[in-house]
Amino acid sequence: MNPILTQIGTVFIPAGNIEEARDWYCDILGLNVQGEILFGHLFVLPTTNGTGIVLDSKIFSEKNTFKTPAFHFNTNNIEEAYEYMKGKNVELITEIEHEHWFNFKDPYGNHMMVCKC
């Protein structure tokens, strides 16, 4: 039996300012800011299930940001998600593609994706 599971436990997102990143991600994901900043550079987003998300200011550099989405956030309604992000003044990189997904940037230049599940 292989001791390495075929699961992703946590995704680390480089963040320039951990407090600002915490507030921005909690806002766009509709989360209450909960928990503390760990070790002065980590914030674990309170996800409900599946893969965890950790914001990390220690790994941030301009060269270290995601220029291609490393993962996507799920949605049941891609049009509603797109309009929601637009209303939050999130920098949208693409329109809705193939009625299925769109890309956006976080405040630190990371490219992210929302995809209809």
PDB file of N, CA and C in Angstrom:
ATOM      1  N   MET A   1       0.851  -1.190   0.000  1.00  0.00           N
ATOM      2  CA  MET A   1       0.000   0.000   0.000  1.00  0.00           C
ATOM      3  C   MET A   1       0.891   1.247   0.000  1.00  0.00           C
ATOM      4  N   ASN A   2       0.592   2.184  -0.878  1.00  0.00           N
ATOM      5  CA  ASN A   2       1.370   3.405  -0.983  1.00  0.00           C
ATOM      6  C   ASN A   2       1.026   4.336   0.179  1.00  0.00           C
ATOM      7  N   PRO A   3       2.024   4.859   0.907  1.00  0.00           N
ATOM      8  CA  PRO A   3       1.739   5.753   2.031  1.00  0.00           C
ATOM      9  C   PRO A   3       1.372   7.177   1.599  1.00  0.00           C
ATOM     10  N   ILE A   4       1.551   7.515   0.332  1.00  0.00           N
ATOM     11  CA  ILE A   4       1.198   8.839  -0.180  1.00  0.00           C
ATOM     12  C   ILE A   4      -0.212   8.771  -0.741  1.00  0.00           C
ATOM     13  N   LEU A   5      -1.106   9.585  -0.195  1.00  0.00           N
ATOM     14  CA  LEU A   5      -2.497   9.589  -0.637  1.00  0.00           C
ATOM     15  C   LEU A   5      -2.662  10.383  -1.924  1.00  0.00           C
ATOM     16  N   THR A   6      -3.623  10.032  -2.722  1.00  0.00           N
ATOM     17  CA  THR A   6      -3.921  10.768  -3.961  1.00  0.00           C
ATOM     18  C   THR A   6      -4.929  11.870  -3.652  1.00  0.00           C
ATOM     19  N   GLN A   7      -4.534  12.742  -2.743  1.00  0.00           N
ATOM     20  CA  GLN A   7      -5.360  13.870  -2.319  1.00  0.00           C
ATOM     21  C   GLN A   7      -4.468  15.095  -2.163  1.00  0.00           C
ATOM     22  N   ILE A   8      -5.037  16.251  -2.381  1.00  0.00           N
ATOM     23  CA  ILE A   8      -4.324  17.501  -2.103  1.00  0.00           C
ATOM     24  C   ILE A   8      -4.827  18.002  -0.766  1.00  0.00           C
ATOM     25  N   GLY A   9      -3.917  18.202   0.177  1.00  0.00           N
ATOM     26  CA  GLY A   9      -4.303  18.639   1.513  1.00  0.00           C
ATOM     27  C   GLY A   9      -4.516  20.136   1.604  1.00  0.00           C
ATOM     28  N   THR A  10      -3.536  20.907   1.135  1.00  0.00           N
ATOM     29  CA  THR A  10      -3.589  22.361   1.261  1.00  0.00           C
ATOM     30  C   THR A  10      -2.858  23.007   0.092  1.00  0.00           C
ATOM     31  N   VAL A  11      -3.369  24.139  -0.348  1.00  0.00           N
ATOM     32  CA  VAL A  11      -2.718  24.966  -1.364  1.00  0.00           C
ATOM     33  C   VAL A  11      -2.216  26.220  -0.655  1.00  0.00           C
ATOM     34  N   PHE A  12      -0.958  26.584  -0.885  1.00  0.00           N
ATOM     35  CA  PHE A  12      -0.383  27.801  -0.325  1.00  0.00           C
ATOM     36  C   PHE A  12      -0.425  28.895  -1.385  1.00  0.00           C
ATOM     37  N   ILE A  13      -0.960  30.060  -1.009  1.00  0.00           N
ATOM     38  CA  ILE A  13      -1.037  31.205  -1.919  1.00  0.00           C
ATOM     39  C   ILE A  13      -0.084  32.279  -1.402  1.00  0.00           C
ATOM     40  N   PRO A  14       0.880  32.718  -2.243  1.00  0.00           N
ATOM     41  CA  PRO A  14       1.774  33.794  -1.827  1.00  0.00           C
ATOM     42  C   PRO A  14       0.989  35.102  -1.647  1.00  0.00           C
ATOM     43  N   ALA A  15       1.216  35.790  -0.536  1.00  0.00           N
ATOM     44  CA  ALA A  15       0.501  37.022  -0.230  1.00  0.00           C
ATOM     45  C   ALA A  15       1.486  38.065   0.286  1.00  0.00           C
ATOM     46  N   GLY A  16       1.460  39.251  -0.291  1.00  0.00           N
ATOM     47  CA  GLY A  16       2.400  40.298   0.101  1.00  0.00           C
ATOM     48  C   GLY A  16       2.182  40.812   1.511  1.00  0.00           C
ATOM     49  N   ASN A  17       0.941  41.035   1.896  1.00  0.00           N
ATOM     50  CA  ASN A  17       0.596  41.525   3.224  1.00  0.00           C
ATOM     51  C   ASN A  17      -0.446  40.581   3.788  1.00  0.00           C
ATOM     52  N   ILE A  18      -0.106  39.860   4.820  1.00  0.00           N
ATOM     53  CA  ILE A  18      -0.958  38.783   5.306  1.00  0.00           C
ATOM     54  C   ILE A  18      -2.306  39.293   5.827  1.00  0.00           C
ATOM     55  N   GLU A  19      -2.326  40.441   6.490  1.00  0.00           N
ATOM     56  CA  GLU A  19      -3.593  40.973   6.990  1.00  0.00           C
ATOM     57  C   GLU A  19      -4.509  41.388   5.838  1.00  0.00           C
ATOM     58  N   GLU A  20      -3.947  42.103   4.872  1.00  0.00           N
ATOM     59  CA  GLU A  20      -4.746  42.522   3.709  1.00  0.00           C
ATOM     60  C   GLU A  20      -5.225  41.316   2.909  1.00  0.00           C
ATOM     61  N   ALA A  21      -4.358  40.324   2.719  1.00  0.00           N
ATOM     62  CA  ALA A  21      -4.733  39.122   1.976  1.00  0.00           C
ATOM     63  C   ALA A  21      -5.857  38.384   2.698  1.00  0.00           C
ATOM     64  N   ARG A  22      -5.731  38.242   4.010  1.00  0.00           N
ATOM     65  CA  ARG A  22      -6.781  37.601   4.810  1.00  0.00           C
ATOM     66  C   ARG A  22      -8.125  38.295   4.593  1.00  0.00           C
ATOM     67  N   ASP A  23      -8.125  39.625   4.703  1.00  0.00           N
ATOM     68  CA  ASP A  23      -9.366  40.386   4.560  1.00  0.00           C
ATOM     69  C   ASP A  23      -9.931  40.276   3.148  1.00  0.00           C
ATOM     70  N   TRP A  24      -9.066  40.335   2.122  1.00  0.00           N
ATOM     71  CA  TRP A  24      -9.514  40.286   0.725  1.00  0.00           C
ATOM     72  C   TRP A  24     -10.126  38.931   0.409  1.00  0.00           C
ATOM     73  N   TYR A  25      -9.424  37.861   0.738  1.00  0.00           N
ATOM     74  CA  TYR A  25      -9.945  36.521   0.439  1.00  0.00           C
ATOM     75  C   TYR A  25     -11.207  36.218   1.245  1.00  0.00           C
ATOM     76  N   CYS A  26     -11.235  36.603   2.513  1.00  0.00           N
ATOM     77  CA  CYS A  26     -12.453  36.387   3.302  1.00  0.00           C
ATOM     78  C   CYS A  26     -13.619  37.151   2.701  1.00  0.00           C
ATOM     79  N   ASP A  27     -13.371  38.355   2.201  1.00  0.00           N
ATOM     80  CA  ASP A  27     -14.426  39.142   1.571  1.00  0.00           C
ATOM     81  C   ASP A  27     -14.958  38.470   0.316  1.00  0.00           C
ATOM     82  N   ILE A  28     -14.079  38.104  -0.631  1.00  0.00           N
ATOM     83  CA  ILE A  28     -14.596  37.542  -1.883  1.00  0.00           C
ATOM     84  C   ILE A  28     -15.192  36.156  -1.698  1.00  0.00           C
ATOM     85  N   LEU A  29     -14.753  35.434  -0.647  1.00  0.00           N
ATOM     86  CA  LEU A  29     -15.309  34.105  -0.404  1.00  0.00           C
ATOM     87  C   LEU A  29     -16.479  34.120   0.574  1.00  0.00           C
ATOM     88  N   GLY A  30     -16.825  35.312   1.069  1.00  0.00           N
ATOM     89  CA  GLY A  30     -17.953  35.424   1.985  1.00  0.00           C
ATOM     90  C   GLY A  30     -17.705  34.758   3.330  1.00  0.00           C
ATOM     91  N   LEU A  31     -16.467  34.820   3.802  1.00  0.00           N
ATOM     92  CA  LEU A  31     -16.102  34.194   5.074  1.00  0.00           C
ATOM     93  C   LEU A  31     -15.947  35.246   6.158  1.00  0.00           C
ATOM     94  N   ASN A  32     -16.312  34.895   7.371  1.00  0.00           N
ATOM     95  CA  ASN A  32     -15.993  35.743   8.509  1.00  0.00           C
ATOM     96  C   ASN A  32     -14.517  35.553   8.811  1.00  0.00           C
ATOM     97  N   VAL A  33     -13.844  36.647   9.128  1.00  0.00           N
ATOM     98  CA  VAL A  33     -12.430  36.540   9.469  1.00  0.00           C
ATOM     99  C   VAL A  33     -12.360  35.811  10.803  1.00  0.00           C
ATOM    100  N   GLN A  34     -11.823  34.609  10.764  1.00  0.00           N
ATOM    101  CA  GLN A  34     -11.703  33.772  11.957  1.00  0.00           C
ATOM    102  C   GLN A  34     -10.269  33.295  12.074  1.00  0.00           C
ATOM    103  N   GLY A  35      -9.886  32.980  13.271  1.00  0.00           N
ATOM    104  CA  GLY A  35      -8.551  32.442  13.467  1.00  0.00           C
ATOM    105  C   GLY A  35      -7.517  33.540  13.566  1.00  0.00           C
ATOM    106  N   GLU A  36      -6.325  33.116  13.822  1.00  0.00           N
ATOM    107  CA  GLU A  36      -5.239  34.067  14.002  1.00  0.00           C
ATOM    108  C   GLU A  36      -4.189  33.885  12.912  1.00  0.00           C
ATOM    109  N   ILE A  37      -3.370  34.888  12.774  1.00  0.00           N
ATOM    110  CA  ILE A  37      -2.235  34.793  11.866  1.00  0.00           C
ATOM    111  C   ILE A  37      -1.157  34.005  12.608  1.00  0.00           C
ATOM    112  N   LEU A  38      -0.705  32.939  11.987  1.00  0.00           N
ATOM    113  CA  LEU A  38       0.248  32.043  12.619  1.00  0.00           C
ATOM    114  C   LEU A  38       1.677  32.408  12.251  1.00  0.00           C
ATOM    115  N   PHE A  39       2.535  32.445  13.227  1.00  0.00           N
ATOM    116  CA  PHE A  39       3.968  32.673  13.037  1.00  0.00           C
ATOM    117  C   PHE A  39       4.267  33.976  12.298  1.00  0.00           C
ATOM    118  N   GLY A  40       3.325  34.912  12.316  1.00  0.00           N
ATOM    119  CA  GLY A  40       3.512  36.210  11.687  1.00  0.00           C
ATOM    120  C   GLY A  40       3.394  36.218  10.177  1.00  0.00           C
ATOM    121  N   HIS A  41       3.099  35.043   9.525  1.00  0.00           N
ATOM    122  CA  HIS A  41       3.062  35.046   8.065  1.00  0.00           C
ATOM    123  C   HIS A  41       2.053  34.080   7.444  1.00  0.00           C
ATOM    124  N   LEU A  42       1.312  33.324   8.236  1.00  0.00           N
ATOM    125  CA  LEU A  42       0.361  32.342   7.692  1.00  0.00           C
ATOM    126  C   LEU A  42      -1.053  32.626   8.161  1.00  0.00           C
ATOM    127  N   PHE A  43      -2.002  32.486   7.252  1.00  0.00           N
ATOM    128  CA  PHE A  43      -3.416  32.524   7.639  1.00  0.00           C
ATOM    129  C   PHE A  43      -4.133  31.382   6.929  1.00  0.00           C
ATOM    130  N   VAL A  44      -4.794  30.536   7.716  1.00  0.00           N
ATOM    131  CA  VAL A  44      -5.541  29.409   7.182  1.00  0.00           C
ATOM    132  C   VAL A  44      -6.975  29.862   6.951  1.00  0.00           C
ATOM    133  N   LEU A  45      -7.395  29.882   5.678  1.00  0.00           N
ATOM    134  CA  LEU A  45      -8.775  30.251   5.376  1.00  0.00           C
ATOM    135  C   LEU A  45      -9.709  29.166   5.901  1.00  0.00           C
ATOM    136  N   PRO A  46     -10.796  29.555   6.547  1.00  0.00           N
ATOM    137  CA  PRO A  46     -11.724  28.569   7.100  1.00  0.00           C
ATOM    138  C   PRO A  46     -12.592  27.939   6.009  1.00  0.00           C
ATOM    139  N   THR A  47     -12.048  26.951   5.315  1.00  0.00           N
ATOM    140  CA  THR A  47     -12.809  26.261   4.264  1.00  0.00           C
ATOM    141  C   THR A  47     -13.711  25.213   4.900  1.00  0.00           C
ATOM    142  N   THR A  48     -14.805  24.902   4.212  1.00  0.00           N
ATOM    143  CA  THR A  48     -15.787  23.987   4.784  1.00  0.00           C
ATOM    144  C   THR A  48     -15.476  22.525   4.515  1.00  0.00           C
ATOM    145  N   ASN A  49     -14.922  22.230   3.365  1.00  0.00           N
ATOM    146  CA  ASN A  49     -14.540  20.846   3.067  1.00  0.00           C
ATOM    147  C   ASN A  49     -13.574  20.839   1.896  1.00  0.00           C
ATOM    148  N   GLY A  50     -12.959  19.728   1.652  1.00  0.00           N
ATOM    149  CA  GLY A  50     -12.026  19.623   0.534  1.00  0.00           C
ATOM    150  C   GLY A  50     -10.659  20.169   0.875  1.00  0.00           C
ATOM    151  N   THR A  51      -9.983  20.647  -0.115  1.00  0.00           N
ATOM    152  CA  THR A  51      -8.619  21.141   0.007  1.00  0.00           C
ATOM    153  C   THR A  51      -8.564  22.418   0.833  1.00  0.00           C
ATOM    154  N   GLY A  52      -7.593  22.501   1.726  1.00  0.00           N
ATOM    155  CA  GLY A  52      -7.399  23.704   2.519  1.00  0.00           C
ATOM    156  C   GLY A  52      -6.664  24.779   1.724  1.00  0.00           C
ATOM    157  N   ILE A  53      -6.784  26.024   2.184  1.00  0.00           N
ATOM    158  CA  ILE A  53      -6.108  27.155   1.548  1.00  0.00           C
ATOM    159  C   ILE A  53      -5.379  27.931   2.638  1.00  0.00           C
ATOM    160  N   VAL A  54      -4.076  28.126   2.426  1.00  0.00           N
ATOM    161  CA  VAL A  54      -3.262  28.875   3.373  1.00  0.00           C
ATOM    162  C   VAL A  54      -2.633  30.059   2.645  1.00  0.00           C
ATOM    163  N   LEU A  55      -2.840  31.254   3.179  1.00  0.00           N
ATOM    164  CA  LEU A  55      -2.175  32.450   2.669  1.00  0.00           C
ATOM    165  C   LEU A  55      -0.831  32.547   3.382  1.00  0.00           C
ATOM    166  N   ASP A  56       0.230  32.852   2.633  1.00  0.00           N
ATOM    167  CA  ASP A  56       1.582  32.856   3.215  1.00  0.00           C
ATOM    168  C   ASP A  56       2.370  34.047   2.696  1.00  0.00           C
ATOM    169  N   SER A  57       2.664  34.996   3.591  1.00  0.00           N
ATOM    170  CA  SER A  57       3.435  36.170   3.175  1.00  0.00           C
ATOM    171  C   SER A  57       4.934  35.889   3.145  1.00  0.00           C
ATOM    172  N   LYS A  58       5.379  34.821   3.770  1.00  0.00           N
ATOM    173  CA  LYS A  58       6.811  34.496   3.778  1.00  0.00           C
ATOM    174  C   LYS A  58       7.288  34.013   2.406  1.00  0.00           C
ATOM    175  N   ILE A  59       6.413  33.378   1.633  1.00  0.00           N
ATOM    176  CA  ILE A  59       6.817  32.867   0.321  1.00  0.00           C
ATOM    177  C   ILE A  59       6.566  33.872  -0.802  1.00  0.00           C
ATOM    178  N   PHE A  60       6.044  35.056  -0.464  1.00  0.00           N
ATOM    179  CA  PHE A  60       5.700  36.029  -1.496  1.00  0.00           C
ATOM    180  C   PHE A  60       6.923  36.707  -2.078  1.00  0.00           C
ATOM    181  N   SER A  61       6.937  36.796  -3.397  1.00  0.00           N
ATOM    182  CA  SER A  61       7.830  37.663  -4.158  1.00  0.00           C
ATOM    183  C   SER A  61       7.167  37.835  -5.517  1.00  0.00           C
ATOM    184  N   GLU A  62       7.525  38.875  -6.233  1.00  0.00           N
ATOM    185  CA  GLU A  62       6.937  39.098  -7.562  1.00  0.00           C
ATOM    186  C   GLU A  62       7.165  37.889  -8.465  1.00  0.00           C
ATOM    187  N   LYS A  63       8.317  37.239  -8.326  1.00  0.00           N
ATOM    188  CA  LYS A  63       8.635  36.075  -9.159  1.00  0.00           C
ATOM    189  C   LYS A  63       7.860  34.832  -8.724  1.00  0.00           C
ATOM    190  N   ASN A  64       7.348  34.847  -7.504  1.00  0.00           N
ATOM    191  CA  ASN A  64       6.747  33.656  -6.927  1.00  0.00           C
ATOM    192  C   ASN A  64       5.225  33.612  -7.037  1.00  0.00           C
ATOM    193  N   THR A  65       4.619  34.577  -7.685  1.00  0.00           N
ATOM    194  CA  THR A  65       3.166  34.568  -7.802  1.00  0.00           C
ATOM    195  C   THR A  65       2.732  33.627  -8.918  1.00  0.00           C
ATOM    196  N   PHE A  66       1.495  33.120  -8.810  1.00  0.00           N
ATOM    197  CA  PHE A  66       0.947  32.225  -9.827  1.00  0.00           C
ATOM    198  C   PHE A  66       0.624  33.022 -11.086  1.00  0.00           C
ATOM    199  N   LYS A  67       1.261  32.708 -12.193  1.00  0.00           N
ATOM    200  CA  LYS A  67       0.949  33.349 -13.470  1.00  0.00           C
ATOM    201  C   LYS A  67      -0.033  32.507 -14.268  1.00  0.00           C
ATOM    202  N   THR A  68      -0.234  31.284 -13.836  1.00  0.00           N
ATOM    203  CA  THR A  68      -1.245  30.380 -14.363  1.00  0.00           C
ATOM    204  C   THR A  68      -1.976  29.831 -13.148  1.00  0.00           C
ATOM    205  N   PRO A  69      -3.294  29.777 -13.163  1.00  0.00           N
ATOM    206  CA  PRO A  69      -3.996  29.272 -11.979  1.00  0.00           C
ATOM    207  C   PRO A  69      -3.508  27.873 -11.582  1.00  0.00           C
ATOM    208  N   ALA A  70      -3.176  27.716 -10.306  1.00  0.00           N
ATOM    209  CA  ALA A  70      -2.723  26.433  -9.787  1.00  0.00           C
ATOM    210  C   ALA A  70      -3.908  25.577  -9.325  1.00  0.00           C
ATOM    211  N   PHE A  71      -5.058  26.209  -9.186  1.00  0.00           N
ATOM    212  CA  PHE A  71      -6.284  25.531  -8.765  1.00  0.00           C
ATOM    213  C   PHE A  71      -7.450  26.434  -9.143  1.00  0.00           C
ATOM    214  N   HIS A  72      -8.666  25.969  -8.924  1.00  0.00           N
ATOM    215  CA  HIS A  72      -9.825  26.836  -9.157  1.00  0.00           C
ATOM    216  C   HIS A  72     -10.793  26.743  -8.007  1.00  0.00           C
ATOM    217  N   PHE A  73     -11.542  27.836  -7.829  1.00  0.00           N
ATOM    218  CA  PHE A  73     -12.658  27.860  -6.889  1.00  0.00           C
ATOM    219  C   PHE A  73     -13.879  27.360  -7.636  1.00  0.00           C
ATOM    220  N   ASN A  74     -14.668  26.522  -7.006  1.00  0.00           N
ATOM    221  CA  ASN A  74     -15.887  25.997  -7.625  1.00  0.00           C
ATOM    222  C   ASN A  74     -17.041  26.980  -7.511  1.00  0.00           C
ATOM    223  N   THR A  75     -17.959  26.885  -8.464  1.00  0.00           N
ATOM    224  CA  THR A  75     -19.221  27.611  -8.402  1.00  0.00           C
ATOM    225  C   THR A  75     -20.300  26.764  -9.063  1.00  0.00           C
ATOM    226  N   ASN A  76     -21.524  26.961  -8.631  1.00  0.00           N
ATOM    227  CA  ASN A  76     -22.659  26.309  -9.281  1.00  0.00           C
ATOM    228  C   ASN A  76     -23.244  27.169 -10.385  1.00  0.00           C
ATOM    229  N   ASN A  77     -22.929  28.486 -10.356  1.00  0.00           N
ATOM    230  CA  ASN A  77     -23.488  29.419 -11.330  1.00  0.00           C
ATOM    231  C   ASN A  77     -22.376  30.350 -11.799  1.00  0.00           C
ATOM    232  N   ILE A  78     -21.808  30.072 -12.954  1.00  0.00           N
ATOM    233  CA  ILE A  78     -20.656  30.829 -13.437  1.00  0.00           C
ATOM    234  C   ILE A  78     -20.997  32.285 -13.744  1.00  0.00           C
ATOM    235  N   GLU A  79     -22.177  32.533 -14.284  1.00  0.00           N
ATOM    236  CA  GLU A  79     -22.573  33.914 -14.591  1.00  0.00           C
ATOM    237  C   GLU A  79     -22.720  34.732 -13.312  1.00  0.00           C
ATOM    238  N   GLU A  80     -23.363  34.149 -12.313  1.00  0.00           N
ATOM    239  CA  GLU A  80     -23.534  34.840 -11.033  1.00  0.00           C
ATOM    240  C   GLU A  80     -22.185  35.096 -10.373  1.00  0.00           C
ATOM    241  N   ALA A  81     -21.287  34.109 -10.433  1.00  0.00           N
ATOM    242  CA  ALA A  81     -19.952  34.269  -9.851  1.00  0.00           C
ATOM    243  C   ALA A  81     -19.182  35.387 -10.555  1.00  0.00           C
ATOM    244  N   TYR A  82     -19.284  35.439 -11.875  1.00  0.00           N
ATOM    245  CA  TYR A  82     -18.591  36.468 -12.648  1.00  0.00           C
ATOM    246  C   TYR A  82     -19.096  37.862 -12.263  1.00  0.00           C
ATOM    247  N   GLU A  83     -20.401  38.029 -12.202  1.00  0.00           N
ATOM    248  CA  GLU A  83     -20.983  39.324 -11.840  1.00  0.00           C
ATOM    249  C   GLU A  83     -20.641  39.701 -10.403  1.00  0.00           C
ATOM    250  N   TYR A  84     -20.610  38.721  -9.517  1.00  0.00           N
ATOM    251  CA  TYR A  84     -20.237  38.950  -8.120  1.00  0.00           C
ATOM    252  C   TYR A  84     -18.818  39.498  -8.031  1.00  0.00           C
ATOM    253  N   MET A  85     -17.882  38.850  -8.722  1.00  0.00           N
ATOM    254  CA  MET A  85     -16.490  39.297  -8.687  1.00  0.00           C
ATOM    255  C   MET A  85     -16.344  40.674  -9.330  1.00  0.00           C
ATOM    256  N   LYS A  86     -17.083  40.903 -10.393  1.00  0.00           N
ATOM    257  CA  LYS A  86     -17.083  42.213 -11.052  1.00  0.00           C
ATOM    258  C   LYS A  86     -17.561  43.282 -10.069  1.00  0.00           C
ATOM    259  N   GLY A  87     -18.619  42.971  -9.329  1.00  0.00           N
ATOM    260  CA  GLY A  87     -19.160  43.900  -8.339  1.00  0.00           C
ATOM    261  C   GLY A  87     -18.210  44.164  -7.180  1.00  0.00           C
ATOM    262  N   LYS A  88     -17.299  43.236  -6.919  1.00  0.00           N
ATOM    263  CA  LYS A  88     -16.285  43.398  -5.873  1.00  0.00           C
ATOM    264  C   LYS A  88     -15.050  44.126  -6.400  1.00  0.00           C
ATOM    265  N   ASN A  89     -15.105  44.559  -7.669  1.00  0.00           N
ATOM    266  CA  ASN A  89     -13.980  45.242  -8.326  1.00  0.00           C
ATOM    267  C   ASN A  89     -12.723  44.386  -8.381  1.00  0.00           C
ATOM    268  N   VAL A  90     -12.917  43.063  -8.481  1.00  0.00           N
ATOM    269  CA  VAL A  90     -11.796  42.148  -8.655  1.00  0.00           C
ATOM    270  C   VAL A  90     -11.305  42.284 -10.089  1.00  0.00           C
ATOM    271  N   GLU A  91      -9.994  42.272 -10.289  1.00  0.00           N
ATOM    272  CA  GLU A  91      -9.442  42.375 -11.637  1.00  0.00           C
ATOM    273  C   GLU A  91      -9.689  41.072 -12.391  1.00  0.00           C
ATOM    274  N   LEU A  92     -10.612  41.121 -13.338  1.00  0.00           N
ATOM    275  CA  LEU A  92     -10.953  39.957 -14.147  1.00  0.00           C
ATOM    276  C   LEU A  92     -10.014  39.904 -15.344  1.00  0.00           C
ATOM    277  N   ILE A  93      -9.385  38.758 -15.551  1.00  0.00           N
ATOM    278  CA  ILE A  93      -8.417  38.602 -16.633  1.00  0.00           C
ATOM    279  C   ILE A  93      -9.093  38.116 -17.904  1.00  0.00           C
ATOM    280  N   THR A  94     -10.127  37.302 -17.752  1.00  0.00           N
ATOM    281  CA  THR A  94     -10.849  36.779 -18.912  1.00  0.00           C
ATOM    282  C   THR A  94     -12.337  37.002 -18.727  1.00  0.00           C
ATOM    283  N   GLU A  95     -13.049  36.888 -19.822  1.00  0.00           N
ATOM    284  CA  GLU A  95     -14.505  36.783 -19.764  1.00  0.00           C
ATOM    285  C   GLU A  95     -14.813  35.341 -19.368  1.00  0.00           C
ATOM    286  N   ILE A  96     -16.074  34.990 -19.281  1.00  0.00           N
ATOM    287  CA  ILE A  96     -16.446  33.593 -19.061  1.00  0.00           C
ATOM    288  C   ILE A  96     -16.099  32.829 -20.335  1.00  0.00           C
ATOM    289  N   GLU A  97     -15.292  31.799 -20.202  1.00  0.00           N
ATOM    290  CA  GLU A  97     -14.832  31.008 -21.343  1.00  0.00           C
ATOM    291  C   GLU A  97     -15.633  29.711 -21.433  1.00  0.00           C
ATOM    292  N   HIS A  98     -16.118  29.410 -22.610  1.00  0.00           N
ATOM    293  CA  HIS A  98     -16.829  28.157 -22.886  1.00  0.00           C
ATOM    294  C   HIS A  98     -17.973  27.892 -21.900  1.00  0.00           C
ATOM    295  N   GLU A  99     -18.561  29.000 -21.393  1.00  0.00           N
ATOM    296  CA  GLU A  99     -19.665  28.926 -20.423  1.00  0.00           C
ATOM    297  C   GLU A  99     -19.286  28.124 -19.184  1.00  0.00           C
ATOM    298  N   HIS A 100     -17.985  28.074 -18.873  1.00  0.00           N
ATOM    299  CA  HIS A 100     -17.526  27.170 -17.835  1.00  0.00           C
ATOM    300  C   HIS A 100     -16.572  27.792 -16.805  1.00  0.00           C
ATOM    301  N   TRP A 101     -15.729  28.765 -17.184  1.00  0.00           N
ATOM    302  CA  TRP A 101     -14.728  29.282 -16.260  1.00  0.00           C
ATOM    303  C   TRP A 101     -14.308  30.702 -16.614  1.00  0.00           C
ATOM    304  N   PHE A 102     -13.690  31.382 -15.643  1.00  0.00           N
ATOM    305  CA  PHE A 102     -13.027  32.675 -15.889  1.00  0.00           C
ATOM    306  C   PHE A 102     -11.850  32.806 -14.928  1.00  0.00           C
ATOM    307  N   ASN A 103     -10.904  33.668 -15.311  1.00  0.00           N
ATOM    308  CA  ASN A 103      -9.719  33.922 -14.497  1.00  0.00           C
ATOM    309  C   ASN A 103      -9.758  35.330 -13.936  1.00  0.00           C
ATOM    310  N   PHE A 104      -9.115  35.493 -12.782  1.00  0.00           N
ATOM    311  CA  PHE A 104      -9.001  36.803 -12.144  1.00  0.00           C
ATOM    312  C   PHE A 104      -7.657  36.897 -11.444  1.00  0.00           C
ATOM    313  N   LYS A 105      -7.314  38.105 -10.986  1.00  0.00           N
ATOM    314  CA  LYS A 105      -6.072  38.330 -10.243  1.00  0.00           C
ATOM    315  C   LYS A 105      -6.410  38.726  -8.819  1.00  0.00           C
ATOM    316  N   ASP A 106      -5.590  38.245  -7.885  1.00  0.00           N
ATOM    317  CA  ASP A 106      -5.722  38.738  -6.516  1.00  0.00           C
ATOM    318  C   ASP A 106      -4.869  40.003  -6.394  1.00  0.00           C
ATOM    319  N   PRO A 107      -4.907  40.696  -5.260  1.00  0.00           N
ATOM    320  CA  PRO A 107      -4.156  41.950  -5.133  1.00  0.00           C
ATOM    321  C   PRO A 107      -2.641  41.799  -5.258  1.00  0.00           C
ATOM    322  N   TYR A 108      -2.123  40.572  -5.224  1.00  0.00           N
ATOM    323  CA  TYR A 108      -0.681  40.349  -5.279  1.00  0.00           C
ATOM    324  C   TYR A 108      -0.214  39.832  -6.626  1.00  0.00           C
ATOM    325  N   GLY A 109      -1.148  39.780  -7.595  1.00  0.00           N
ATOM    326  CA  GLY A 109      -0.793  39.360  -8.947  1.00  0.00           C
ATOM    327  C   GLY A 109      -0.968  37.881  -9.218  1.00  0.00           C
ATOM    328  N   ASN A 110      -1.449  37.106  -8.235  1.00  0.00           N
ATOM    329  CA  ASN A 110      -1.705  35.687  -8.461  1.00  0.00           C
ATOM    330  C   ASN A 110      -2.894  35.521  -9.406  1.00  0.00           C
ATOM    331  N   HIS A 111      -2.742  34.679 -10.407  1.00  0.00           N
ATOM    332  CA  HIS A 111      -3.837  34.376 -11.318  1.00  0.00           C
ATOM    333  C   HIS A 111      -4.643  33.228 -10.723  1.00  0.00           C
ATOM    334  N   MET A 112      -5.935  33.434 -10.619  1.00  0.00           N
ATOM    335  CA  MET A 112      -6.847  32.450 -10.031  1.00  0.00           C
ATOM    336  C   MET A 112      -7.971  32.159 -11.017  1.00  0.00           C
ATOM    337  N   MET A 113      -8.713  31.105 -10.748  1.00  0.00           N
ATOM    338  CA  MET A 113      -9.799  30.688 -11.643  1.00  0.00           C
ATOM    339  C   MET A 113     -11.037  30.353 -10.813  1.00  0.00           C
ATOM    340  N   VAL A 114     -12.196  30.648 -11.411  1.00  0.00           N
ATOM    341  CA  VAL A 114     -13.480  30.160 -10.896  1.00  0.00           C
ATOM    342  C   VAL A 114     -14.037  29.280 -11.980  1.00  0.00           C
ATOM    343  N   CYS A 115     -14.489  28.080 -11.604  1.00  0.00           N
ATOM    344  CA  CYS A 115     -14.951  27.107 -12.584  1.00  0.00           C
ATOM    345  C   CYS A 115     -16.289  26.506 -12.144  1.00  0.00           C
ATOM    346  N   LYS A 116     -17.180  26.379 -13.110  1.00  0.00           N
ATOM    347  CA  LYS A 116     -18.480  25.751 -12.843  1.00  0.00           C
ATOM    348  C   LYS A 116     -18.266  24.266 -12.585  1.00  0.00           C
ATOM    349  N   CYS A 117     -18.810  23.788 -11.477  1.00  0.00           N
ATOM    350  CA  CYS A 117     -18.609  22.371 -11.140  1.00  0.00           C
ATOM    351  C   CYS A 117     -19.790  21.524 -11.582  1.00  0.00           C
TER     352      CYS A 117
END
